[in-house]
Amino acid sequence: MFRKCDYYVFLNSIMNVAGEILQHKNKKAPFIALFLTRYCISVCKLRQIALIRHRLALIKRC
C-alpha cells in the first residue's frame, strides 16, 4: 500500500512522462499522454485529483 507521499511521487512521475511524450511530433503522442493521464485519475484517490489537474494545466501550456 502506498503512503500519501508515494502517491504524489507516482503521479508526478507519470505526468512528467506524459508531458515528455507530448513534446514529440509522433501522431500517437497525444493519445498515449491521454491514456497515462486517465490511468492516473483512475488509480488515485479524490484528494490527489487536485494535483493531477494542476499537472494537466501545466501540460496544456506546452
N, C-alpha and C. Protein backbone atom coordinates (compact mmCIF):
# COMPACT_ATOMS: atom_id res chain seq x y z
N MET A 1 0.84 -1.18 0.00
CA MET A 1 0.00 0.00 0.00
C MET A 1 0.89 1.25 0.00
N PHE A 2 0.54 2.20 -0.84
CA PHE A 2 1.30 3.44 -0.93
C PHE A 2 0.96 4.37 0.23
N ARG A 3 1.95 5.10 0.69
CA ARG A 3 1.70 6.21 1.60
C ARG A 3 1.31 7.41 0.76
N LYS A 4 0.83 8.46 1.42
CA LYS A 4 0.37 9.65 0.69
C LYS A 4 1.49 10.25 -0.15
N CYS A 5 2.70 10.35 0.41
CA CYS A 5 3.80 10.95 -0.35
C CYS A 5 4.19 10.07 -1.54
N ASP A 6 4.02 8.74 -1.40
CA ASP A 6 4.31 7.85 -2.52
C ASP A 6 3.35 8.08 -3.68
N TYR A 7 2.08 8.38 -3.37
CA TYR A 7 1.11 8.70 -4.43
C TYR A 7 1.56 9.93 -5.21
N TYR A 8 2.00 10.95 -4.50
CA TYR A 8 2.42 12.17 -5.17
C TYR A 8 3.63 11.92 -6.06
N VAL A 9 4.58 11.15 -5.58
CA VAL A 9 5.76 10.83 -6.38
C VAL A 9 5.36 10.02 -7.61
N PHE A 10 4.47 9.05 -7.43
CA PHE A 10 3.99 8.21 -8.52
C PHE A 10 3.26 9.03 -9.57
N LEU A 11 2.32 9.86 -9.12
CA LEU A 11 1.55 10.68 -10.06
C LEU A 11 2.43 11.70 -10.76
N ASN A 12 3.33 12.29 -10.03
CA ASN A 12 4.22 13.29 -10.61
C ASN A 12 5.10 12.66 -11.69
N SER A 13 5.61 11.47 -11.44
CA SER A 13 6.47 10.84 -12.43
C SER A 13 5.68 10.45 -13.68
N ILE A 14 4.46 9.96 -13.51
CA ILE A 14 3.64 9.60 -14.68
C ILE A 14 3.26 10.83 -15.48
N MET A 15 2.90 11.91 -14.79
CA MET A 15 2.52 13.13 -15.51
C MET A 15 3.74 13.76 -16.19
N ASN A 16 4.92 13.61 -15.61
CA ASN A 16 6.13 14.09 -16.28
C ASN A 16 6.38 13.30 -17.55
N VAL A 17 6.15 12.00 -17.51
CA VAL A 17 6.29 11.17 -18.71
C VAL A 17 5.29 11.60 -19.77
N ALA A 18 4.04 11.86 -19.34
CA ALA A 18 3.02 12.32 -20.29
C ALA A 18 3.43 13.64 -20.93
N GLY A 19 3.99 14.54 -20.15
CA GLY A 19 4.47 15.81 -20.70
C GLY A 19 5.60 15.63 -21.68
N GLU A 20 6.52 14.71 -21.39
CA GLU A 20 7.62 14.43 -22.31
C GLU A 20 7.10 13.82 -23.61
N ILE A 21 6.13 12.94 -23.52
CA ILE A 21 5.56 12.31 -24.71
C ILE A 21 4.91 13.36 -25.60
N LEU A 22 4.22 14.33 -25.00
CA LEU A 22 3.54 15.36 -25.78
C LEU A 22 4.51 16.23 -26.57
N GLN A 23 5.75 16.30 -26.16
CA GLN A 23 6.73 17.13 -26.86
C GLN A 23 7.21 16.48 -28.16
N HIS A 24 6.96 15.20 -28.34
CA HIS A 24 7.38 14.52 -29.57
C HIS A 24 6.37 14.80 -30.68
N LYS A 25 6.81 14.70 -31.91
CA LYS A 25 5.95 15.00 -33.05
C LYS A 25 5.20 13.77 -33.55
N ASN A 26 5.23 12.70 -32.78
CA ASN A 26 4.55 11.47 -33.15
C ASN A 26 3.03 11.68 -33.14
N LYS A 27 2.33 11.09 -34.12
CA LYS A 27 0.87 11.25 -34.19
C LYS A 27 0.16 10.58 -33.02
N LYS A 28 0.77 9.55 -32.44
CA LYS A 28 0.13 8.83 -31.34
C LYS A 28 0.43 9.45 -29.98
N ALA A 29 1.31 10.44 -29.93
CA ALA A 29 1.72 11.02 -28.65
C ALA A 29 0.56 11.57 -27.82
N PRO A 30 -0.39 12.32 -28.40
CA PRO A 30 -1.50 12.82 -27.57
C PRO A 30 -2.35 11.70 -26.99
N PHE A 31 -2.52 10.62 -27.73
CA PHE A 31 -3.34 9.51 -27.24
C PHE A 31 -2.64 8.78 -26.09
N ILE A 32 -1.32 8.62 -26.21
CA ILE A 32 -0.56 7.97 -25.14
C ILE A 32 -0.57 8.84 -23.89
N ALA A 33 -0.39 10.14 -24.06
CA ALA A 33 -0.42 11.05 -22.91
C ALA A 33 -1.80 11.06 -22.26
N LEU A 34 -2.85 11.02 -23.07
CA LEU A 34 -4.21 10.98 -22.54
C LEU A 34 -4.44 9.68 -21.77
N PHE A 35 -3.95 8.56 -22.29
CA PHE A 35 -4.08 7.29 -21.60
C PHE A 35 -3.39 7.33 -20.24
N LEU A 36 -2.17 7.87 -20.20
CA LEU A 36 -1.44 7.97 -18.93
C LEU A 36 -2.17 8.87 -17.94
N THR A 37 -2.75 9.95 -18.45
CA THR A 37 -3.49 10.86 -17.58
C THR A 37 -4.73 10.18 -17.01
N ARG A 38 -5.47 9.48 -17.85
CA ARG A 38 -6.66 8.77 -17.37
C ARG A 38 -6.29 7.66 -16.41
N TYR A 39 -5.15 7.02 -16.64
CA TYR A 39 -4.68 6.00 -15.72
C TYR A 39 -4.42 6.61 -14.34
N CYS A 40 -3.78 7.76 -14.33
CA CYS A 40 -3.52 8.45 -13.05
C CYS A 40 -4.81 8.77 -12.32
N ILE A 41 -5.79 9.25 -13.06
CA ILE A 41 -7.06 9.63 -12.44
C ILE A 41 -7.76 8.42 -11.86
N SER A 42 -7.71 7.28 -12.56
CA SER A 42 -8.40 6.10 -12.07
C SER A 42 -7.69 5.46 -10.89
N VAL A 43 -6.38 5.63 -10.77
CA VAL A 43 -5.62 5.00 -9.70
C VAL A 43 -5.68 5.80 -8.41
N CYS A 44 -5.67 7.12 -8.51
CA CYS A 44 -5.52 7.94 -7.30
C CYS A 44 -6.83 8.11 -6.57
N LYS A 45 -6.72 8.60 -5.34
CA LYS A 45 -7.89 8.91 -4.52
C LYS A 45 -8.36 10.32 -4.85
N LEU A 46 -9.52 10.69 -4.33
CA LEU A 46 -10.10 12.00 -4.64
C LEU A 46 -9.22 13.16 -4.19
N ARG A 47 -8.50 13.01 -3.12
CA ARG A 47 -7.68 14.12 -2.63
C ARG A 47 -6.46 14.38 -3.49
N GLN A 48 -6.10 13.44 -4.39
CA GLN A 48 -4.97 13.67 -5.28
C GLN A 48 -5.40 14.25 -6.63
N ILE A 49 -6.68 14.35 -6.90
CA ILE A 49 -7.14 14.85 -8.19
C ILE A 49 -6.71 16.31 -8.41
N ALA A 50 -6.61 17.07 -7.35
CA ALA A 50 -6.16 18.46 -7.48
C ALA A 50 -4.75 18.52 -8.05
N LEU A 51 -3.88 17.60 -7.65
CA LEU A 51 -2.53 17.55 -8.19
C LEU A 51 -2.55 17.22 -9.68
N ILE A 52 -3.39 16.29 -10.08
CA ILE A 52 -3.48 15.92 -11.49
C ILE A 52 -3.98 17.10 -12.32
N ARG A 53 -4.99 17.81 -11.82
CA ARG A 53 -5.50 18.97 -12.55
C ARG A 53 -4.42 20.03 -12.71
N HIS A 54 -3.62 20.21 -11.69
CA HIS A 54 -2.52 21.17 -11.78
C HIS A 54 -1.52 20.73 -12.84
N ARG A 55 -1.16 19.45 -12.86
CA ARG A 55 -0.21 18.94 -13.84
C ARG A 55 -0.79 19.03 -15.26
N LEU A 56 -2.08 18.79 -15.41
CA LEU A 56 -2.71 18.91 -16.73
C LEU A 56 -2.66 20.35 -17.22
N ALA A 57 -2.87 21.29 -16.32
CA ALA A 57 -2.79 22.70 -16.70
C ALA A 57 -1.39 23.05 -17.18
N LEU A 58 -0.38 22.47 -16.54
CA LEU A 58 1.00 22.71 -16.97
C LEU A 58 1.26 22.08 -18.34
N ILE A 59 0.70 20.90 -18.57
CA ILE A 59 0.90 20.23 -19.86
C ILE A 59 0.21 21.02 -20.98
N LYS A 60 -0.98 21.56 -20.71
CA LYS A 60 -1.71 22.30 -21.74
C LYS A 60 -0.98 23.57 -22.16
N ARG A 61 -0.13 24.11 -21.29
CA ARG A 61 0.64 25.31 -21.63
C ARG A 61 1.71 25.02 -22.66
N CYS A 62 2.15 23.77 -22.76
CA CYS A 62 3.25 23.41 -23.69
C CYS A 62 2.82 23.54 -25.13
